[in-house]
Structure formats: structure tokens, C-alpha cells
C-alpha atoms as a PDB file:
ATOM      1  CA  MET A   1      -3.642   3.831  21.839  1.00  0.00           C
ATOM      2  CA  THR A   2      -1.874   2.079  18.981  1.00  0.00           C
ATOM      3  CA  ALA A   3       0.420   4.379  16.986  1.00  0.00           C
ATOM      4  CA  LEU A   4       1.502   3.441  13.470  1.00  0.00           C
ATOM      5  CA  GLY A   5       4.309   5.070  11.521  1.00  0.00           C
ATOM      6  CA  LEU A   6       4.183   5.477   7.747  1.00  0.00           C
ATOM      7  CA  LEU A   7       7.240   6.595   5.830  1.00  0.00           C
ATOM      8  CA  THR A   8       6.059   8.243   2.614  1.00  0.00           C
ATOM      9  CA  PRO A   9       7.898   9.524  -0.467  1.00  0.00           C
ATOM     10  CA  GLY A  10       6.814  13.116  -0.949  1.00  0.00           C
ATOM     11  CA  HIS A  11       3.276  14.305  -0.282  1.00  0.00           C
ATOM     12  CA  SER A  12       1.075  12.856  -3.057  1.00  0.00           C
ATOM     13  CA  ALA A  13      -2.288  11.705  -1.658  1.00  0.00           C
ATOM     14  CA  GLU A  14      -0.994  11.694   1.921  1.00  0.00           C
ATOM     15  CA  ASP A  15      -4.394  13.000   3.054  1.00  0.00           C
ATOM     16  CA  ASP A  16      -5.722   9.460   2.571  1.00  0.00           C
ATOM     17  CA  TYR A  17      -4.019   8.442   5.818  1.00  0.00           C
ATOM     18  CA  PRO A  18      -5.810  10.829   8.216  1.00  0.00           C
ATOM     19  CA  ARG A  19      -9.027   9.884   6.436  1.00  0.00           C
ATOM     20  CA  ILE A  20      -8.329   6.226   7.152  1.00  0.00           C
ATOM     21  CA  GLU A  21      -7.422   7.058  10.744  1.00  0.00           C
ATOM     22  CA  GLN A  22     -10.812   8.723  11.124  1.00  0.00           C
ATOM     23  CA  LEU A  23     -12.674   5.828   9.484  1.00  0.00           C
ATOM     24  CA  LEU A  24     -11.031   3.306  11.777  1.00  0.00           C
ATOM     25  CA  GLY A  25     -13.084   4.795  14.599  1.00  0.00           C
ATOM     26  CA  SER A  26     -10.856   3.335  17.276  1.00  0.00           C
ATOM     27  CA  ASP A  27      -7.833   4.158  19.390  1.00  0.00           C
ATOM     28  CA  ILE A  28      -5.529   4.143  16.375  1.00  0.00           C
ATOM     29  CA  ARG A  29      -3.113   6.922  15.468  1.00  0.00           C
ATOM     30  CA  VAL A  30      -1.483   7.075  12.040  1.00  0.00           C
ATOM     31  CA  ASP A  31       1.656   9.233  11.891  1.00  0.00           C
ATOM     32  CA  THR A  32       3.486  10.039   8.675  1.00  0.00           C
ATOM     33  CA  ALA A  33       7.023  11.172   7.962  1.00  0.00           C
ATOM     34  CA  HIS A  34       8.525  11.931   4.582  1.00  0.00           C
ATOM     35  CA  THR A  35      11.541  11.094   2.511  1.00  0.00           C
ATOM     36  CA  GLY A  36      12.700  13.096  -0.472  1.00  0.00           C
ATOM     37  CA  ILE A  37      11.087  11.948  -3.718  1.00  0.00           C
ATOM     38  CA  GLY A  38      14.147  12.125  -5.929  1.00  0.00           C
ATOM     39  CA  GLU A  39      12.885  12.002  -9.496  1.00  0.00           C
ATOM     40  CA  ASP A  40       9.059  12.027  -9.605  1.00  0.00           C
ATOM     41  CA  THR A  41       8.373   9.109 -11.888  1.00  0.00           C
ATOM     42  CA  SER A  42       6.377   5.917 -11.633  1.00  0.00           C
ATOM     43  CA  ARG A  43       9.438   3.854 -12.459  1.00  0.00           C
ATOM     44  CA  ALA A  44      10.553   1.497  -9.726  1.00  0.00           C
ATOM     45  CA  ASP A  45      14.092   1.315 -11.086  1.00  0.00           C
ATOM     46  CA  THR A  46      14.938   5.016 -11.177  1.00  0.00           C
ATOM     47  CA  PRO A  47      18.541   5.425  -9.915  1.00  0.00           C
ATOM     48  CA  GLY A  48      18.786   7.486  -6.732  1.00  0.00           C
ATOM     49  CA  GLY A  49      15.041   7.201  -6.188  1.00  0.00           C
ATOM     50  CA  THR A  50      13.020   7.299  -3.018  1.00  0.00           C
ATOM     51  CA  ASP A  51      14.081   3.956  -1.634  1.00  0.00           C
ATOM     52  CA  SER A  52      17.787   4.183  -0.758  1.00  0.00           C
ATOM     53  CA  ALA A  53      18.789   3.549   2.845  1.00  0.00           C
ATOM     54  CA  GLU A  54      19.796   7.197   3.162  1.00  0.00           C
ATOM     55  CA  ARG A  55      16.357   8.391   2.085  1.00  0.00           C
ATOM     56  CA  LEU A  56      14.563   5.855   4.273  1.00  0.00           C
ATOM     57  CA  ALA A  57      16.552   7.124   7.240  1.00  0.00           C
ATOM     58  CA  GLU A  58      15.315  10.685   6.687  1.00  0.00           C
ATOM     59  CA  GLY A  59      11.950  10.205   8.365  1.00  0.00           C
ATOM     60  CA  VAL A  60      12.702   7.403  10.792  1.00  0.00           C
ATOM     61  CA  ALA A  61      13.882   9.641  13.642  1.00  0.00           C
ATOM     62  CA  ALA A  62      10.632  11.617  13.597  1.00  0.00           C
ATOM     63  CA  LEU A  63       8.588   8.415  13.753  1.00  0.00           C
ATOM     64  CA  ARG A  64      10.607   7.106  16.680  1.00  0.00           C
ATOM     65  CA  LEU A  65      10.067  10.372  18.543  1.00  0.00           C
ATOM     66  CA  ALA A  66       6.331  10.083  17.857  1.00  0.00           C
ATOM     67  CA  GLY A  67       6.301   6.792  19.759  1.00  0.00           C
ATOM     68  CA  VAL A  68       5.030   4.575  16.953  1.00  0.00           C
ATOM     69  CA  GLU A  69       5.005   0.798  17.409  1.00  0.00           C
ATOM     70  CA  ALA A  70       5.635  -0.237  13.801  1.00  0.00           C
ATOM     71  CA  VAL A  71       6.737   1.431  10.593  1.00  0.00           C
ATOM     72  CA  VAL A  72       5.679   0.765   6.993  1.00  0.00           C
ATOM     73  CA  TRP A  73       7.482   2.076   3.905  1.00  0.00           C
ATOM     74  CA  ALA A  74       4.426   3.487   2.153  1.00  0.00           C
ATOM     75  CA  SER A  75       5.663   3.159  -1.405  1.00  0.00           C
ATOM     76  CA  THR A  76       4.693   0.249  -3.613  1.00  0.00           C
ATOM     77  CA  SER A  77       6.963   0.985  -6.566  1.00  0.00           C
ATOM     78  CA  GLY A  78       9.769   1.876  -4.169  1.00  0.00           C
ATOM     79  CA  SER A  79       9.837  -1.701  -2.895  1.00  0.00           C
ATOM     80  CA  PHE A  80       8.721  -4.235  -5.510  1.00  0.00           C
ATOM     81  CA  GLY A  81      11.273  -3.003  -8.054  1.00  0.00           C
ATOM     82  CA  HIS A  82      13.982  -4.746  -6.031  1.00  0.00           C
ATOM     83  CA  GLY A  83      12.326  -8.131  -6.408  1.00  0.00           C
ATOM     84  CA  TRP A  84      11.178 -10.269  -3.503  1.00  0.00           C
ATOM     85  CA  GLU A  85      14.577 -10.785  -1.882  1.00  0.00           C
ATOM     86  CA  GLY A  86      15.658  -7.191  -2.421  1.00  0.00           C
ATOM     87  CA  ALA A  87      12.410  -5.925  -0.864  1.00  0.00           C
ATOM     88  CA  GLN A  88      13.001  -8.182   2.133  1.00  0.00           C
ATOM     89  CA  GLU A  89      16.463  -6.699   2.590  1.00  0.00           C
ATOM     90  CA  GLN A  90      14.974  -3.224   2.312  1.00  0.00           C
ATOM     91  CA  VAL A  91      12.515  -4.006   5.111  1.00  0.00           C
ATOM     92  CA  ARG A  92      15.272  -5.458   7.270  1.00  0.00           C
ATOM     93  CA  THR A  93      17.239  -2.232   6.789  1.00  0.00           C
ATOM     94  CA  LEU A  94      14.202  -0.159   7.733  1.00  0.00           C
ATOM     95  CA  ALA A  95      13.561  -2.259  10.842  1.00  0.00           C
ATOM     96  CA  ARG A  96      17.184  -1.806  11.884  1.00  0.00           C
ATOM     97  CA  LEU A  97      17.046   1.952  11.327  1.00  0.00           C
ATOM     98  CA  ALA A  98      13.734   2.277  13.178  1.00  0.00           C
ATOM     99  CA  GLY A  99      14.376  -0.235  15.935  1.00  0.00           C
ATOM    100  CA  MET A 100      10.888  -1.713  15.516  1.00  0.00           C
ATOM    101  CA  PRO A 101       8.894  -4.054  13.258  1.00  0.00           C
ATOM    102  CA  ALA A 102       8.816  -2.841   9.663  1.00  0.00           C
ATOM    103  CA  SER A 103       7.283  -3.704   6.307  1.00  0.00           C
ATOM    104  CA  SER A 104       6.351  -2.086   2.997  1.00  0.00           C
ATOM    105  CA  THR A 105       3.260  -1.589   0.888  1.00  0.00           C
ATOM    106  CA  SER A 106       4.320  -4.281  -1.578  1.00  0.00           C
ATOM    107  CA  PHE A 107       4.420  -6.906   1.168  1.00  0.00           C
ATOM    108  CA  ALA A 108       1.171  -5.489   2.547  1.00  0.00           C
ATOM    109  CA  PHE A 109      -0.648  -6.488  -0.648  1.00  0.00           C
ATOM    110  CA  VAL A 110       0.580 -10.075  -0.355  1.00  0.00           C
ATOM    111  CA  HIS A 111      -0.237 -10.312   3.350  1.00  0.00           C
ATOM    112  CA  ALA A 112      -3.673  -8.736   2.891  1.00  0.00           C
ATOM    113  CA  ALA A 113      -4.556 -11.187   0.130  1.00  0.00           C
ATOM    114  CA  GLY A 114      -3.490 -14.016   2.403  1.00  0.00           C
ATOM    115  CA  GLU A 115      -5.627 -12.639   5.236  1.00  0.00           C
ATOM    116  CA  MET A 116      -8.690 -12.871   3.002  1.00  0.00           C
ATOM    117  CA  GLY A 117      -7.825 -16.278   1.565  1.00  0.00           C
ATOM    118  CA  VAL A 118      -7.392 -14.776  -1.908  1.00  0.00           C
ATOM    119  CA  ARG A 119      -5.032 -16.452  -4.385  1.00  0.00           C
ATOM    120  CA  ARG A 120      -6.070 -15.073  -7.797  1.00  0.00           C
ATOM    121  CA  VAL A 121      -5.774 -11.313  -8.272  1.00  0.00           C
ATOM    122  CA  ALA A 122      -6.045  -8.794 -11.093  1.00  0.00           C
ATOM    123  CA  VAL A 123      -3.878  -5.663 -11.107  1.00  0.00           C
ATOM    124  CA  GLY A 124      -4.909  -2.175 -12.189  1.00  0.00           C
ATOM    125  CA  ALA A 125      -1.784  -0.017 -12.186  1.00  0.00           C
ATOM    126  CA  THR A 126      -1.087   3.611 -12.991  1.00  0.00           C
ATOM    127  CA  TYR A 127       2.477   2.595 -13.822  1.00  0.00           C
ATOM    128  CA  PRO A 128       3.958   2.096 -17.294  1.00  0.00           C
ATOM    129  CA  PRO A 129       3.467  -1.503 -18.518  1.00  0.00           C
ATOM    130  CA  ASP A 130       7.004  -2.693 -17.719  1.00  0.00           C
ATOM    131  CA  VAL A 131       6.776  -1.407 -14.148  1.00  0.00           C
ATOM    132  CA  ALA A 132       3.288  -2.884 -13.704  1.00  0.00           C
ATOM    133  CA  GLU A 133       4.716  -6.239 -14.777  1.00  0.00           C
ATOM    134  CA  LEU A 134       7.413  -5.948 -12.098  1.00  0.00           C
ATOM    135  CA  PHE A 135       4.639  -5.657  -9.520  1.00  0.00           C
ATOM    136  CA  ALA A 136       2.887  -8.714 -10.970  1.00  0.00           C
ATOM    137  CA  ARG A 137       6.181 -10.606 -10.745  1.00  0.00           C
ATOM    138  CA  PHE A 138       6.499  -9.606  -7.089  1.00  0.00           C
ATOM    139  CA  LEU A 139       2.988 -10.877  -6.356  1.00  0.00           C
ATOM    140  CA  ARG A 140       3.762 -14.189  -8.046  1.00  0.00           C
ATOM    141  CA  ALA A 141       6.884 -14.528  -5.893  1.00  0.00           C
ATOM    142  CA  GLY A 142       4.562 -14.093  -2.913  1.00  0.00           C
ATOM    143  CA  GLY A 143       2.436 -17.045  -4.002  1.00  0.00           C
ATOM    144  CA  LEU A 144      -0.376 -15.209  -5.786  1.00  0.00           C
ATOM    145  CA  GLU A 145      -1.730 -15.959  -9.249  1.00  0.00           C
ATOM    146  CA  VAL A 146      -2.058 -12.809 -11.353  1.00  0.00           C
ATOM    147  CA  THR A 147      -4.995 -13.178 -13.739  1.00  0.00           C
ATOM    148  CA  GLY A 148      -4.357  -9.935 -15.595  1.00  0.00           C
ATOM    149  CA  VAL A 149      -2.458  -6.655 -15.513  1.00  0.00           C
ATOM    150  CA  ARG A 150      -3.921  -3.394 -16.781  1.00  0.00           C
ATOM    151  CA  SER A 151      -1.658  -0.347 -17.041  1.00  0.00           C
ATOM    152  CA  SER A 152      -2.856   3.222 -17.405  1.00  0.00           C
ATOM    153  CA  GLY A 153       0.671   4.492 -17.996  1.00  0.00           C
ATOM    154  CA  ALA A 154       0.471   7.541 -15.719  1.00  0.00           C
ATOM    155  CA  GLY A 155       3.889   9.145 -15.834  1.00  0.00           C
ATOM    156  CA  THR A 156       4.208  10.651 -12.341  1.00  0.00           C
ATOM    157  CA  ALA A 157       2.845  10.406  -8.821  1.00  0.00           C
ATOM    158  CA  ALA A 158       1.579  13.968  -9.164  1.00  0.00           C
ATOM    159  CA  GLU A 159      -0.515  12.923 -12.155  1.00  0.00           C
ATOM    160  CA  ALA A 160      -1.954   9.900 -10.338  1.00  0.00           C
ATOM    161  CA  ALA A 161      -2.822  12.106  -7.347  1.00  0.00           C
ATOM    162  CA  THR A 162      -5.269  14.086  -9.520  1.00  0.00           C
ATOM    163  CA  TRP A 163      -7.416  11.017 -10.242  1.00  0.00           C
ATOM    164  CA  GLU A 164     -11.009  11.090  -9.035  1.00  0.00           C
ATOM    165  CA  GLU A 165     -13.616   8.429  -8.329  1.00  0.00           C
ATOM    166  CA  GLU A 166     -14.597   7.838 -11.959  1.00  0.00           C
ATOM    167  CA  ASP A 167     -10.935   7.389 -12.930  1.00  0.00           C
ATOM    168  CA  LEU A 168     -10.518   4.748 -10.230  1.00  0.00           C
ATOM    169  CA  LEU A 169     -13.678   2.951 -11.334  1.00  0.00           C
ATOM    170  CA  THR A 170     -12.553   2.946 -14.954  1.00  0.00           C
ATOM    171  CA  LEU A 171      -9.180   1.439 -14.080  1.00  0.00           C
ATOM    172  CA  ALA A 172     -10.614  -1.137 -11.680  1.00  0.00           C
ATOM    173  CA  ARG A 173     -13.245  -2.300 -14.171  1.00  0.00           C
ATOM    174  CA  ALA A 174     -10.695  -2.514 -16.976  1.00  0.00           C
ATOM    175  CA  ALA A 175      -8.341  -4.540 -14.773  1.00  0.00           C
ATOM    176  CA  ASP A 176     -10.929  -6.990 -13.459  1.00  0.00           C
ATOM    177  CA  THR A 177     -11.100 -10.509 -14.855  1.00  0.00           C
ATOM    178  CA  ALA A 178     -13.817 -13.085 -14.334  1.00  0.00           C
ATOM    179  CA  ASP A 179     -11.504 -15.452 -12.455  1.00  0.00           C
ATOM    180  CA  ALA A 180      -9.933 -12.814 -10.189  1.00  0.00           C
ATOM    181  CA  GLU A 181     -10.936 -13.058  -6.538  1.00  0.00           C
ATOM    182  CA  ALA A 182      -9.806  -9.480  -5.866  1.00  0.00           C
ATOM    183  CA  VAL A 183      -8.577  -6.428  -7.768  1.00  0.00           C
ATOM    184  CA  LEU A 184      -5.426  -4.617  -6.652  1.00  0.00           C
ATOM    185  CA  LEU A 185      -4.706  -0.906  -7.243  1.00  0.00           C
ATOM    186  CA  PRO A 186      -1.075  -0.529  -6.130  1.00  0.00           C
ATOM    187  CA  ASP A 187      -0.192   3.178  -6.433  1.00  0.00           C
ATOM    188  CA  THR A 188       0.114   5.045  -3.106  1.00  0.00           C
ATOM    189  CA  ALA A 189      -0.383   8.307  -5.028  1.00  0.00           C
ATOM    190  CA  LEU A 190      -4.049   7.400  -5.592  1.00  0.00           C
ATOM    191  CA  ARG A 191      -6.649   8.685  -3.146  1.00  0.00           C
ATOM    192  CA  THR A 192      -8.832   5.628  -2.585  1.00  0.00           C
ATOM    193  CA  ALA A 193      -9.996   5.563   1.052  1.00  0.00           C
ATOM    194  CA  ALA A 194     -13.281   7.360   0.361  1.00  0.00           C
ATOM    195  CA  HIS A 195     -14.120   5.163  -2.624  1.00  0.00           C
ATOM    196  CA  LEU A 196     -13.602   1.610  -1.386  1.00  0.00           C
ATOM    197  CA  PRO A 197     -17.290   0.750  -0.797  1.00  0.00           C
ATOM    198  CA  LEU A 198     -18.231   1.972  -4.281  1.00  0.00           C
ATOM    199  CA  LEU A 199     -15.333   0.133  -5.922  1.00  0.00           C
ATOM    200  CA  GLU A 200     -16.240  -3.138  -4.231  1.00  0.00           C
ATOM    201  CA  LYS A 201     -19.922  -2.724  -5.026  1.00  0.00           C
ATOM    202  CA  ALA A 202     -19.158  -2.012  -8.688  1.00  0.00           C
ATOM    203  CA  LEU A 203     -16.906  -5.064  -9.042  1.00  0.00           C
ATOM    204  CA  SER A 204     -18.762  -7.390  -6.650  1.00  0.00           C
ATOM    205  CA  LYS A 205     -15.460  -8.486  -5.149  1.00  0.00           C
ATOM    206  CA  PRO A 206     -12.799  -7.178  -2.749  1.00  0.00           C
ATOM    207  CA  VAL A 207     -10.603  -4.299  -3.874  1.00  0.00           C
ATOM    208  CA  LEU A 208      -7.220  -3.739  -2.261  1.00  0.00           C
ATOM    209  CA  THR A 209      -5.606  -0.323  -2.602  1.00  0.00           C
ATOM    210  CA  ALA A 210      -2.204   0.957  -1.565  1.00  0.00           C
ATOM    211  CA  SER A 211      -3.170   3.339   1.245  1.00  0.00           C
ATOM    212  CA  GLN A 212      -5.692   0.832   2.624  1.00  0.00           C
ATOM    213  CA  VAL A 213      -3.289  -2.131   2.804  1.00  0.00           C
ATOM    214  CA  THR A 214      -0.447   0.074   4.089  1.00  0.00           C
ATOM    215  CA  VAL A 215      -2.392   1.026   7.214  1.00  0.00           C
ATOM    216  CA  TRP A 216      -3.679  -2.536   7.589  1.00  0.00           C
ATOM    217  CA  GLU A 217      -0.082  -3.792   7.450  1.00  0.00           C
ATOM    218  CA  GLY A 218       0.902  -1.409  10.218  1.00  0.00           C
ATOM    219  CA  LEU A 219      -1.939  -2.752  12.328  1.00  0.00           C
ATOM    220  CA  ARG A 220      -0.851  -6.317  11.564  1.00  0.00           C
ATOM    221  CA  LEU A 221       2.677  -5.542  12.728  1.00  0.00           C
ATOM    222  CA  ALA A 222       1.258  -4.007  15.912  1.00  0.00           C
ATOM    223  CA  ASP A 223      -0.930  -7.106  16.426  1.00  0.00           C
ATOM    224  CA  ARG A 224      -4.159  -5.160  16.074  1.00  0.00           C
ATOM    225  CA  ARG A 225      -7.263  -5.815  14.006  1.00  0.00           C
ATOM    226  CA  VAL A 226     -10.003  -3.252  13.602  1.00  0.00           C
ATOM    227  CA  ASN A 227     -13.448  -3.846  12.119  1.00  0.00           C
ATOM    228  CA  ALA A 228     -14.143  -0.923   9.772  1.00  0.00           C
ATOM    229  CA  PRO A 229     -16.418  -1.963   6.864  1.00  0.00           C
ATOM    230  CA  SER A 230     -16.165   1.483   5.252  1.00  0.00           C
ATOM    231  CA  LEU A 231     -12.556   0.570   4.455  1.00  0.00           C
ATOM    232  CA  GLY A 232     -13.526  -2.489   2.443  1.00  0.00           C
ATOM    233  CA  THR A 233     -13.678  -6.238   2.884  1.00  0.00           C
ATOM    234  CA  LEU A 234     -10.150  -6.337   4.283  1.00  0.00           C
ATOM    235  CA  PHE A 235     -11.344  -4.473   7.366  1.00  0.00           C
ATOM    236  CA  THR A 236     -14.355  -6.669   8.091  1.00  0.00           C
ATOM    237  CA  ARG A 237     -12.418  -9.238  10.082  1.00  0.00           C
ATOM    238  CA  GLU A 238     -13.319  -9.575  13.728  1.00  0.00           C
ATOM    239  CA  PRO A 239     -10.924  -7.504  15.828  1.00  0.00           C
ATOM    240  CA  ARG A 240      -8.643  -9.348  18.197  1.00  0.00           C
ATOM    241  CA  VAL A 241      -9.510  -8.988  21.865  1.00  0.00           C
ATOM    242  CA  GLN A 242      -6.939  -6.723  23.468  1.00  0.00           C
ATOM    243  CA  ALA A 243      -5.390  -7.817  26.755  1.00  0.00           C
END
């Protein structure tokens, strides 16, 4: 059994994670613990937001007690707003608090793109335009070329959590560019796990979403790969043979 720990801000769309656990169809357990959400906005630079060391510490003890092997800060906007170096420091703090390998959803997008050999990406964000551009800047710092950024301007995580399949399709299609090798939907408040096959079929290219890459990143930290095509192209790699 491989146990992954996800530290989530609040409860928006957290039901995506047990759905992913089920779709993995393997000996994988995905545990979640929560921090306070502070002010419920989509702004990455909100003072006293979800990403302070004090808030990150709130759920770490529960994850340690659950026996997880790695922890991922499951908040995209709560990490990329610090810039590349600031997000690295955030992850180092989380690893120190947890006493185990750690990462965040923002880094997960960069690592997942690298896993698939993707360099050119388009971004479809629920964030306001200035915050969406901060995410694009983070991706560029990670070595990716951003071919376009589309912002829907959703004001809160609660609003994004109400989106349904057609809303996701509309955003993904609007964000896509002809030269993009993949489309990224970065908001962890979006429920996307059930819609990945349809999204990829509609765009004829890989789609990376926040909940999907967050769990994948936990598996990467735990040195596991699982073949689960229902979770998109990212999960069609051959699994590593376990000793």
C-alpha cells in the first residue's frame, strides 16, 4: 500500500481525490487534511491566505498519523504566487514540518509536463487575469513555453467548484492554441477527474488539471507510477516494477 497525503485549503472539490483514488485501481490510498482558507478568493497574493507556514502546519500532524509517505500542498494559487524561488522555500518548509518528501500543485504541473515531454502549453484559468499571468510566469520559470493564457475571472473557489463538464470544455477550448502540446487547467477547486477523457478527446491533446497532477505528484514523490488511462494521458505511462 502506498499512502499519499494531500494538504488542501478548505473543502472545495475535495471529492475529486477519492474519485481519483478509485480510478487508480491499485494499492494507492489518498488521504487529505485541511488548512483554514482565510479569505476565499482566487488571488494568490491575498495577505494571511492559505499558504502561511502556520496554516500549512495545521493538517500536517494528521497526515503523519495516517502514515503517508509524501505530502503535496494541493493549492495551485497558494504556491505560484510566491514565484519559483518562494514556492521552493514553501515546499522546503512543508517537508520540514512533515518530515517527508513534499511538493505542491504548481510544481506538479511543471513535473507532469516534463514527464510527457511537453514544452509548449496553453493555460485555461478560473483566476482573474493578473493571477493567471502569475501562473504563466511560474511555468516559464520552470522551462515551459506558454502559448496562451485564458482567464474566466471566477472570483472564488466556491464559484469554481460549481462548474460542470460543459463549463470545463468551454474554458479548455477557449484556452487551446494550435501550437500548444497540452492544455493546463490549474484550479484545484475544479472537479475534473471524471471529465479527463472527454476533455482530451475534444482537444485531441493532453489536458492536465490540478487534482490530477496533484495526485500524480504524490505518486512521483513516493516513486510509484500507475497506469490509469481514465485519468488522462499523464497516467498512461508504464508503471514501475515494485521491488
